[in-house]
Amino acid sequence: MDGLCNRLKKECILLDPPVKTMDQLLHQLVMILSEHEDIKDTNLLYEEIMKQEQMGSTCVGCGCAIPHAVRMR
Protein backbone atom coordinates (compact mmCIF):
# COMPACT_ATOMS: atom_id res chain seq x y z
CA MET A 1 0.00 0.00 0.00
CA ASP A 2 2.92 2.36 0.48
CA GLY A 3 3.27 2.85 -3.28
CA LEU A 4 -0.42 3.61 -3.67
CA CYS A 5 -0.48 6.03 -0.73
CA ASN A 6 2.41 7.97 -2.21
CA ARG A 7 0.54 8.36 -5.49
CA LEU A 8 -2.71 9.72 -4.03
CA LYS A 9 -3.23 13.48 -4.09
CA LYS A 10 -5.00 14.82 -1.04
CA GLU A 11 -7.09 17.06 -3.31
CA CYS A 12 -8.55 13.95 -4.94
CA ILE A 13 -9.60 12.17 -1.76
CA LEU A 14 -13.27 12.59 -0.85
CA LEU A 15 -14.15 12.48 2.83
CA ASP A 16 -17.84 12.41 3.71
CA PRO A 17 -19.02 13.68 0.33
CA PRO A 18 -22.58 15.09 0.30
CA VAL A 19 -24.01 12.43 -2.03
CA LYS A 20 -26.71 9.81 -1.67
CA THR A 21 -25.82 7.27 -4.34
CA MET A 22 -22.71 5.58 -5.68
CA ASP A 23 -23.48 7.08 -9.09
CA GLN A 24 -23.39 10.61 -7.62
CA LEU A 25 -20.19 9.78 -5.76
CA LEU A 26 -18.41 8.49 -8.85
CA HIS A 27 -19.51 11.49 -10.92
CA GLN A 28 -18.17 13.82 -8.21
CA LEU A 29 -14.90 11.89 -8.10
CA VAL A 30 -14.48 12.14 -11.88
CA MET A 31 -15.09 15.90 -11.76
CA ILE A 32 -12.53 16.37 -8.98
CA LEU A 33 -9.99 14.23 -10.83
CA SER A 34 -10.52 16.26 -14.01
CA GLU A 35 -9.60 19.41 -12.08
CA HIS A 36 -6.29 17.96 -10.86
CA GLU A 37 -5.24 15.54 -13.59
CA ASP A 38 -4.93 15.64 -17.36
CA ILE A 39 -8.22 13.89 -18.15
CA LYS A 40 -9.43 14.56 -21.65
CA ASP A 41 -12.68 12.56 -21.57
CA THR A 42 -14.53 12.51 -18.25
CA ASN A 43 -17.36 10.42 -19.71
CA LEU A 44 -14.92 7.72 -20.76
CA LEU A 45 -13.30 7.74 -17.32
CA TYR A 46 -16.70 7.38 -15.65
CA GLU A 47 -17.62 4.49 -17.97
CA GLU A 48 -14.32 2.70 -17.26
CA ILE A 49 -14.74 3.15 -13.49
CA MET A 50 -18.28 1.72 -13.76
CA LYS A 51 -16.96 -1.30 -15.71
CA GLN A 52 -14.51 -1.97 -12.90
CA GLU A 53 -17.24 -1.61 -10.26
CA GLN A 54 -19.44 -4.09 -12.16
CA MET A 55 -16.62 -6.64 -12.12
CA GLY A 56 -16.19 -6.22 -8.37
CA SER A 57 -16.52 -3.60 -5.70
CA THR A 58 -13.53 -1.35 -5.06
CA CYS A 59 -14.52 -1.11 -1.40
CA VAL A 60 -11.60 -1.78 0.96
CA GLY A 61 -13.73 -1.79 4.11
CA CYS A 62 -15.02 0.60 6.76
CA GLY A 63 -16.84 2.68 4.15
CA CYS A 64 -13.68 3.31 2.13
CA ALA A 65 -13.20 2.53 -1.56
CA ILE A 66 -10.62 3.16 -4.24
CA PRO A 67 -12.62 3.52 -7.47
CA HIS A 68 -10.38 3.19 -10.48
CA ALA A 69 -10.23 2.39 -14.16
CA VAL A 70 -7.96 -0.42 -15.28
CA ARG A 71 -7.21 1.21 -18.57
CA MET A 72 -8.40 4.06 -20.70
CA ARG A 73 -8.84 3.48 -24.42
PDB file of N, CA and C in Angstrom:
ATOM      1  N   MET A   1       0.807  -1.205   0.000  1.00  0.00           N
ATOM      2  CA  MET A   1       0.000   0.000   0.000  1.00  0.00           C
ATOM      3  C   MET A   1       0.845   1.262   0.000  1.00  0.00           C
ATOM      4  N   ASP A   2       2.094   1.160   0.407  1.00  0.00           N
ATOM      5  CA  ASP A   2       2.917   2.359   0.478  1.00  0.00           C
ATOM      6  C   ASP A   2       3.016   3.038  -0.886  1.00  0.00           C
ATOM      7  N   GLY A   3       3.184   2.263  -1.946  1.00  0.00           N
ATOM      8  CA  GLY A   3       3.269   2.848  -3.280  1.00  0.00           C
ATOM      9  C   GLY A   3       2.003   3.580  -3.659  1.00  0.00           C
ATOM     10  N   LEU A   4       0.863   2.988  -3.360  1.00  0.00           N
ATOM     11  CA  LEU A   4      -0.420   3.607  -3.667  1.00  0.00           C
ATOM     12  C   LEU A   4      -0.606   4.889  -2.862  1.00  0.00           C
ATOM     13  N   CYS A   5      -0.310   4.846  -1.591  1.00  0.00           N
ATOM     14  CA  CYS A   5      -0.485   6.027  -0.728  1.00  0.00           C
ATOM     15  C   CYS A   5       0.379   7.191  -1.193  1.00  0.00           C
ATOM     16  N   ASN A   6       1.541   6.900  -1.720  1.00  0.00           N
ATOM     17  CA  ASN A   6       2.414   7.968  -2.207  1.00  0.00           C
ATOM     18  C   ASN A   6       1.923   8.563  -3.518  1.00  0.00           C
ATOM     19  N   ARG A   7       1.039   7.876  -4.202  1.00  0.00           N
ATOM     20  CA  ARG A   7       0.535   8.365  -5.488  1.00  0.00           C
ATOM     21  C   ARG A   7      -0.769   9.150  -5.350  1.00  0.00           C
ATOM     22  N   LEU A   8      -1.451   9.026  -4.221  1.00  0.00           N
ATOM     23  CA  LEU A   8      -2.714   9.724  -4.028  1.00  0.00           C
ATOM     24  C   LEU A   8      -2.487  11.200  -3.740  1.00  0.00           C
ATOM     25  N   LYS A   9      -3.279  12.044  -4.376  1.00  0.00           N
ATOM     26  CA  LYS A   9      -3.230  13.478  -4.089  1.00  0.00           C
ATOM     27  C   LYS A   9      -4.337  13.790  -3.093  1.00  0.00           C
ATOM     28  N   LYS A  10      -4.000  14.529  -2.060  1.00  0.00           N
ATOM     29  CA  LYS A  10      -4.998  14.822  -1.035  1.00  0.00           C
ATOM     30  C   LYS A  10      -6.197  15.566  -1.616  1.00  0.00           C
ATOM     31  N   GLU A  11      -5.997  16.331  -2.682  1.00  0.00           N
ATOM     32  CA  GLU A  11      -7.093  17.061  -3.310  1.00  0.00           C
ATOM     33  C   GLU A  11      -8.102  16.123  -3.969  1.00  0.00           C
ATOM     34  N   CYS A  12      -7.700  14.896  -4.240  1.00  0.00           N
ATOM     35  CA  CYS A  12      -8.555  13.945  -4.945  1.00  0.00           C
ATOM     36  C   CYS A  12      -9.161  12.896  -4.022  1.00  0.00           C
ATOM     37  N   ILE A  13      -9.018  13.088  -2.731  1.00  0.00           N
ATOM     38  CA  ILE A  13      -9.605  12.171  -1.755  1.00  0.00           C
ATOM     39  C   ILE A  13     -10.884  12.801  -1.229  1.00  0.00           C
ATOM     40  N   LEU A  14     -11.986  12.079  -1.327  1.00  0.00           N
ATOM     41  CA  LEU A  14     -13.274  12.591  -0.854  1.00  0.00           C
ATOM     42  C   LEU A  14     -13.582  12.017   0.515  1.00  0.00           C
ATOM     43  N   LEU A  15     -13.758  12.897   1.486  1.00  0.00           N
ATOM     44  CA  LEU A  15     -14.148  12.479   2.832  1.00  0.00           C
ATOM     45  C   LEU A  15     -15.560  12.973   3.096  1.00  0.00           C
ATOM     46  N   ASP A  16     -16.440  12.076   3.425  1.00  0.00           N
ATOM     47  CA  ASP A  16     -17.838  12.406   3.715  1.00  0.00           C
ATOM     48  C   ASP A  16     -18.481  13.292   2.641  1.00  0.00           C
ATOM     49  N   PRO A  17     -18.418  12.862   1.385  1.00  0.00           N
ATOM     50  CA  PRO A  17     -19.017  13.684   0.326  1.00  0.00           C
ATOM     51  C   PRO A  17     -20.533  13.765   0.487  1.00  0.00           C
ATOM     52  N   PRO A  18     -21.129  14.898   0.134  1.00  0.00           N
ATOM     53  CA  PRO A  18     -22.580  15.087   0.300  1.00  0.00           C
ATOM     54  C   PRO A  18     -23.354  14.456  -0.853  1.00  0.00           C
ATOM     55  N   VAL A  19     -23.300  13.146  -0.968  1.00  0.00           N
ATOM     56  CA  VAL A  19     -24.014  12.429  -2.033  1.00  0.00           C
ATOM     57  C   VAL A  19     -24.848  11.323  -1.419  1.00  0.00           C
ATOM     58  N   LYS A  20     -25.826  10.855  -2.180  1.00  0.00           N
ATOM     59  CA  LYS A  20     -26.711   9.811  -1.669  1.00  0.00           C
ATOM     60  C   LYS A  20     -26.545   8.479  -2.394  1.00  0.00           C
ATOM     61  N   THR A  21     -25.951   8.512  -3.582  1.00  0.00           N
ATOM     62  CA  THR A  21     -25.822   7.275  -4.343  1.00  0.00           C
ATOM     63  C   THR A  21     -24.377   7.088  -4.814  1.00  0.00           C
ATOM     64  N   MET A  22     -24.046   5.848  -5.152  1.00  0.00           N
ATOM     65  CA  MET A  22     -22.711   5.576  -5.680  1.00  0.00           C
ATOM     66  C   MET A  22     -22.515   6.307  -7.003  1.00  0.00           C
ATOM     67  N   ASP A  23     -23.569   6.384  -7.812  1.00  0.00           N
ATOM     68  CA  ASP A  23     -23.478   7.083  -9.089  1.00  0.00           C
ATOM     69  C   ASP A  23     -23.078   8.547  -8.877  1.00  0.00           C
ATOM     70  N   GLN A  24     -23.723   9.208  -7.934  1.00  0.00           N
ATOM     71  CA  GLN A  24     -23.386  10.607  -7.621  1.00  0.00           C
ATOM     72  C   GLN A  24     -21.946  10.712  -7.130  1.00  0.00           C
ATOM     73  N   LEU A  25     -21.546   9.779  -6.305  1.00  0.00           N
ATOM     74  CA  LEU A  25     -20.192   9.778  -5.763  1.00  0.00           C
ATOM     75  C   LEU A  25     -19.160   9.637  -6.876  1.00  0.00           C
ATOM     76  N   LEU A  26     -19.374   8.704  -7.778  1.00  0.00           N
ATOM     77  CA  LEU A  26     -18.407   8.489  -8.853  1.00  0.00           C
ATOM     78  C   LEU A  26     -18.366   9.670  -9.813  1.00  0.00           C
ATOM     79  N   HIS A  27     -19.513  10.287 -10.073  1.00  0.00           N
ATOM     80  CA  HIS A  27     -19.512  11.494 -10.915  1.00  0.00           C
ATOM     81  C   HIS A  27     -18.721  12.617 -10.237  1.00  0.00           C
ATOM     82  N   GLN A  28     -18.900  12.781  -8.941  1.00  0.00           N
ATOM     83  CA  GLN A  28     -18.168  13.817  -8.213  1.00  0.00           C
ATOM     84  C   GLN A  28     -16.674  13.528  -8.242  1.00  0.00           C
ATOM     85  N   LEU A  29     -16.311  12.280  -8.058  1.00  0.00           N
ATOM     86  CA  LEU A  29     -14.898  11.892  -8.102  1.00  0.00           C
ATOM     87  C   LEU A  29     -14.292  12.205  -9.461  1.00  0.00           C
ATOM     88  N   VAL A  30     -14.985  11.872 -10.530  1.00  0.00           N
ATOM     89  CA  VAL A  30     -14.476  12.137 -11.879  1.00  0.00           C
ATOM     90  C   VAL A  30     -14.282  13.643 -12.083  1.00  0.00           C
ATOM     91  N   MET A  31     -15.215  14.449 -11.598  1.00  0.00           N
ATOM     92  CA  MET A  31     -15.086  15.904 -11.757  1.00  0.00           C
ATOM     93  C   MET A  31     -13.877  16.440 -10.981  1.00  0.00           C
ATOM     94  N   ILE A  32     -13.675  15.938  -9.775  1.00  0.00           N
ATOM     95  CA  ILE A  32     -12.526  16.372  -8.983  1.00  0.00           C
ATOM     96  C   ILE A  32     -11.221  15.939  -9.655  1.00  0.00           C
ATOM     97  N   LEU A  33     -11.186  14.710 -10.139  1.00  0.00           N
ATOM     98  CA  LEU A  33      -9.986  14.232 -10.832  1.00  0.00           C
ATOM     99  C   LEU A  33      -9.697  15.070 -12.065  1.00  0.00           C
ATOM    100  N   SER A  34     -10.735  15.468 -12.791  1.00  0.00           N
ATOM    101  CA  SER A  34     -10.522  16.255 -14.008  1.00  0.00           C
ATOM    102  C   SER A  34      -9.953  17.636 -13.695  1.00  0.00           C
ATOM    103  N   GLU A  35     -10.162  18.129 -12.482  1.00  0.00           N
ATOM    104  CA  GLU A  35      -9.599  19.415 -12.078  1.00  0.00           C
ATOM    105  C   GLU A  35      -8.112  19.315 -11.734  1.00  0.00           C
ATOM    106  N   HIS A  36      -7.656  18.118 -11.349  1.00  0.00           N
ATOM    107  CA  HIS A  36      -6.286  17.961 -10.856  1.00  0.00           C
ATOM    108  C   HIS A  36      -5.406  17.071 -11.733  1.00  0.00           C
ATOM    109  N   GLU A  37      -5.988  16.429 -12.713  1.00  0.00           N
ATOM    110  CA  GLU A  37      -5.238  15.538 -13.587  1.00  0.00           C
ATOM    111  C   GLU A  37      -5.552  15.886 -15.041  1.00  0.00           C
ATOM    112  N   ASP A  38      -4.730  15.401 -15.934  1.00  0.00           N
ATOM    113  CA  ASP A  38      -4.933  15.641 -17.365  1.00  0.00           C
ATOM    114  C   ASP A  38      -5.900  14.584 -17.908  1.00  0.00           C
ATOM    115  N   ILE A  39      -7.190  14.820 -17.695  1.00  0.00           N
ATOM    116  CA  ILE A  39      -8.220  13.892 -18.147  1.00  0.00           C
ATOM    117  C   ILE A  39      -8.972  14.551 -19.292  1.00  0.00           C
ATOM    118  N   LYS A  40      -8.837  13.963 -20.461  1.00  0.00           N
ATOM    119  CA  LYS A  40      -9.429  14.557 -21.648  1.00  0.00           C
ATOM    120  C   LYS A  40     -10.906  14.195 -21.825  1.00  0.00           C
ATOM    121  N   ASP A  41     -11.316  13.025 -21.360  1.00  0.00           N
ATOM    122  CA  ASP A  41     -12.682  12.556 -21.574  1.00  0.00           C
ATOM    123  C   ASP A  41     -13.257  12.044 -20.251  1.00  0.00           C
ATOM    124  N   THR A  42     -13.981  12.903 -19.556  1.00  0.00           N
ATOM    125  CA  THR A  42     -14.529  12.511 -18.251  1.00  0.00           C
ATOM    126  C   THR A  42     -15.597  11.437 -18.399  1.00  0.00           C
ATOM    127  N   ASN A  43     -16.347  11.455 -19.494  1.00  0.00           N
ATOM    128  CA  ASN A  43     -17.364  10.421 -19.707  1.00  0.00           C
ATOM    129  C   ASN A  43     -16.720   9.052 -19.857  1.00  0.00           C
ATOM    130  N   LEU A  44     -15.627   8.984 -20.592  1.00  0.00           N
ATOM    131  CA  LEU A  44     -14.920   7.718 -20.764  1.00  0.00           C
ATOM    132  C   LEU A  44     -14.376   7.233 -19.426  1.00  0.00           C
ATOM    133  N   LEU A  45     -13.814   8.135 -18.632  1.00  0.00           N
ATOM    134  CA  LEU A  45     -13.295   7.740 -17.322  1.00  0.00           C
ATOM    135  C   LEU A  45     -14.423   7.180 -16.460  1.00  0.00           C
ATOM    136  N   TYR A  46     -15.554   7.856 -16.435  1.00  0.00           N
ATOM    137  CA  TYR A  46     -16.696   7.377 -15.654  1.00  0.00           C
ATOM    138  C   TYR A  46     -17.127   5.980 -16.122  1.00  0.00           C
ATOM    139  N   GLU A  47     -17.221   5.792 -17.419  1.00  0.00           N
ATOM    140  CA  GLU A  47     -17.618   4.489 -17.970  1.00  0.00           C
ATOM    141  C   GLU A  47     -16.629   3.394 -17.568  1.00  0.00           C
ATOM    142  N   GLU A  48     -15.337   3.692 -17.610  1.00  0.00           N
ATOM    143  CA  GLU A  48     -14.323   2.704 -17.256  1.00  0.00           C
ATOM    144  C   GLU A  48     -14.355   2.381 -15.757  1.00  0.00           C
ATOM    145  N   ILE A  49     -14.611   3.389 -14.934  1.00  0.00           N
ATOM    146  CA  ILE A  49     -14.742   3.150 -13.492  1.00  0.00           C
ATOM    147  C   ILE A  49     -15.961   2.263 -13.237  1.00  0.00           C
ATOM    148  N   MET A  50     -17.069   2.528 -13.933  1.00  0.00           N
ATOM    149  CA  MET A  50     -18.279   1.718 -13.762  1.00  0.00           C
ATOM    150  C   MET A  50     -18.045   0.274 -14.204  1.00  0.00           C
ATOM    151  N   LYS A  51     -17.286   0.068 -15.273  1.00  0.00           N
ATOM    152  CA  LYS A  51     -16.964  -1.299 -15.714  1.00  0.00           C
ATOM    153  C   LYS A  51     -16.220  -2.038 -14.610  1.00  0.00           C
ATOM    154  N   GLN A  52     -15.281  -1.349 -13.978  1.00  0.00           N
ATOM    155  CA  GLN A  52     -14.512  -1.968 -12.897  1.00  0.00           C
ATOM    156  C   GLN A  52     -15.412  -2.296 -11.714  1.00  0.00           C
ATOM    157  N   GLU A  53     -16.316  -1.387 -11.373  1.00  0.00           N
ATOM    158  CA  GLU A  53     -17.240  -1.613 -10.258  1.00  0.00           C
ATOM    159  C   GLU A  53     -18.165  -2.791 -10.543  1.00  0.00           C
ATOM    160  N   GLN A  54     -18.562  -2.972 -11.799  1.00  0.00           N
ATOM    161  CA  GLN A  54     -19.441  -4.086 -12.156  1.00  0.00           C
ATOM    162  C   GLN A  54     -18.706  -5.421 -12.037  1.00  0.00           C
ATOM    163  N   MET A  55     -17.402  -5.412 -12.251  1.00  0.00           N
ATOM    164  CA  MET A  55     -16.615  -6.635 -12.121  1.00  0.00           C
ATOM    165  C   MET A  55     -16.411  -6.995 -10.660  1.00  0.00           C
ATOM    166  N   GLY A  56     -16.371  -5.996  -9.801  1.00  0.00           N
ATOM    167  CA  GLY A  56     -16.189  -6.217  -8.374  1.00  0.00           C
ATOM    168  C   GLY A  56     -16.048  -4.892  -7.665  1.00  0.00           C
ATOM    169  N   SER A  57     -16.557  -4.833  -6.475  1.00  0.00           N
ATOM    170  CA  SER A  57     -16.519  -3.599  -5.702  1.00  0.00           C
ATOM    171  C   SER A  57     -15.082  -3.180  -5.399  1.00  0.00           C
ATOM    172  N   THR A  58     -14.843  -1.878  -5.419  1.00  0.00           N
ATOM    173  CA  THR A  58     -13.526  -1.350  -5.060  1.00  0.00           C
ATOM    174  C   THR A  58     -13.469  -0.957  -3.588  1.00  0.00           C
ATOM    175  N   CYS A  59     -14.482  -1.373  -2.838  1.00  0.00           N
ATOM    176  CA  CYS A  59     -14.524  -1.109  -1.397  1.00  0.00           C
ATOM    177  C   CYS A  59     -13.384  -1.853  -0.702  1.00  0.00           C
ATOM    178  N   VAL A  60     -12.686  -1.154   0.192  1.00  0.00           N
ATOM    179  CA  VAL A  60     -11.604  -1.781   0.957  1.00  0.00           C
ATOM    180  C   VAL A  60     -11.991  -1.965   2.417  1.00  0.00           C
ATOM    181  N   GLY A  61     -13.235  -1.606   2.758  1.00  0.00           N
ATOM    182  CA  GLY A  61     -13.731  -1.791   4.107  1.00  0.00           C
ATOM    183  C   GLY A  61     -13.946  -0.492   4.850  1.00  0.00           C
ATOM    184  N   CYS A  62     -14.743  -0.559   5.889  1.00  0.00           N
ATOM    185  CA  CYS A  62     -15.021   0.598   6.764  1.00  0.00           C
ATOM    186  C   CYS A  62     -15.531   1.814   5.988  1.00  0.00           C
ATOM    187  N   GLY A  63     -16.291   1.579   4.933  1.00  0.00           N
ATOM    188  CA  GLY A  63     -16.842   2.681   4.150  1.00  0.00           C
ATOM    189  C   GLY A  63     -15.852   3.342   3.221  1.00  0.00           C
ATOM    190  N   CYS A  64     -14.703   2.747   3.019  1.00  0.00           N
ATOM    191  CA  CYS A  64     -13.678   3.306   2.130  1.00  0.00           C
ATOM    192  C   CYS A  64     -13.603   2.506   0.839  1.00  0.00           C
ATOM    193  N   ALA A  65     -13.348   3.190  -0.256  1.00  0.00           N
ATOM    194  CA  ALA A  65     -13.200   2.532  -1.555  1.00  0.00           C
ATOM    195  C   ALA A  65     -12.144   3.268  -2.365  1.00  0.00           C
ATOM    196  N   ILE A  66     -11.599   2.567  -3.333  1.00  0.00           N
ATOM    197  CA  ILE A  66     -10.619   3.160  -4.245  1.00  0.00           C
ATOM    198  C   ILE A  66     -11.113   2.906  -5.671  1.00  0.00           C
ATOM    199  N   PRO A  67     -12.128   3.684  -6.097  1.00  0.00           N
ATOM    200  CA  PRO A  67     -12.622   3.523  -7.466  1.00  0.00           C
ATOM    201  C   PRO A  67     -11.511   3.806  -8.467  1.00  0.00           C
ATOM    202  N   HIS A  68     -11.435   3.000  -9.505  1.00  0.00           N
ATOM    203  CA  HIS A  68     -10.377   3.185 -10.485  1.00  0.00           C
ATOM    204  C   HIS A  68     -10.777   2.561 -11.804  1.00  0.00           C
ATOM    205  N   ALA A  69     -10.070   2.971 -12.831  1.00  0.00           N
ATOM    206  CA  ALA A  69     -10.230   2.394 -14.162  1.00  0.00           C
ATOM    207  C   ALA A  69      -8.958   1.612 -14.453  1.00  0.00           C
ATOM    208  N   VAL A  70      -9.136   0.414 -14.987  1.00  0.00           N
ATOM    209  CA  VAL A  70      -7.965  -0.421 -15.283  1.00  0.00           C
ATOM    210  C   VAL A  70      -7.186   0.177 -16.436  1.00  0.00           C
ATOM    211  N   ARG A  71      -7.892   0.576 -17.448  1.00  0.00           N
ATOM    212  CA  ARG A  71      -7.207   1.210 -18.575  1.00  0.00           C
ATOM    213  C   ARG A  71      -8.163   2.138 -19.282  1.00  0.00           C
ATOM    214  N   MET A  72      -7.597   3.126 -19.905  1.00  0.00           N
ATOM    215  CA  MET A  72      -8.397   4.062 -20.696  1.00  0.00           C
ATOM    216  C   MET A  72      -8.041   3.795 -22.156  1.00  0.00           C
ATOM    217  N   ARG A  73      -9.067   3.720 -22.990  1.00  0.00           N
ATOM    218  CA  ARG A  73      -8.839   3.476 -24.425  1.00  0.00           C
ATOM    219  C   ARG A  73      -8.123   4.633 -25.055  1.00  0.00           C
TER     220      ARG A  73
END
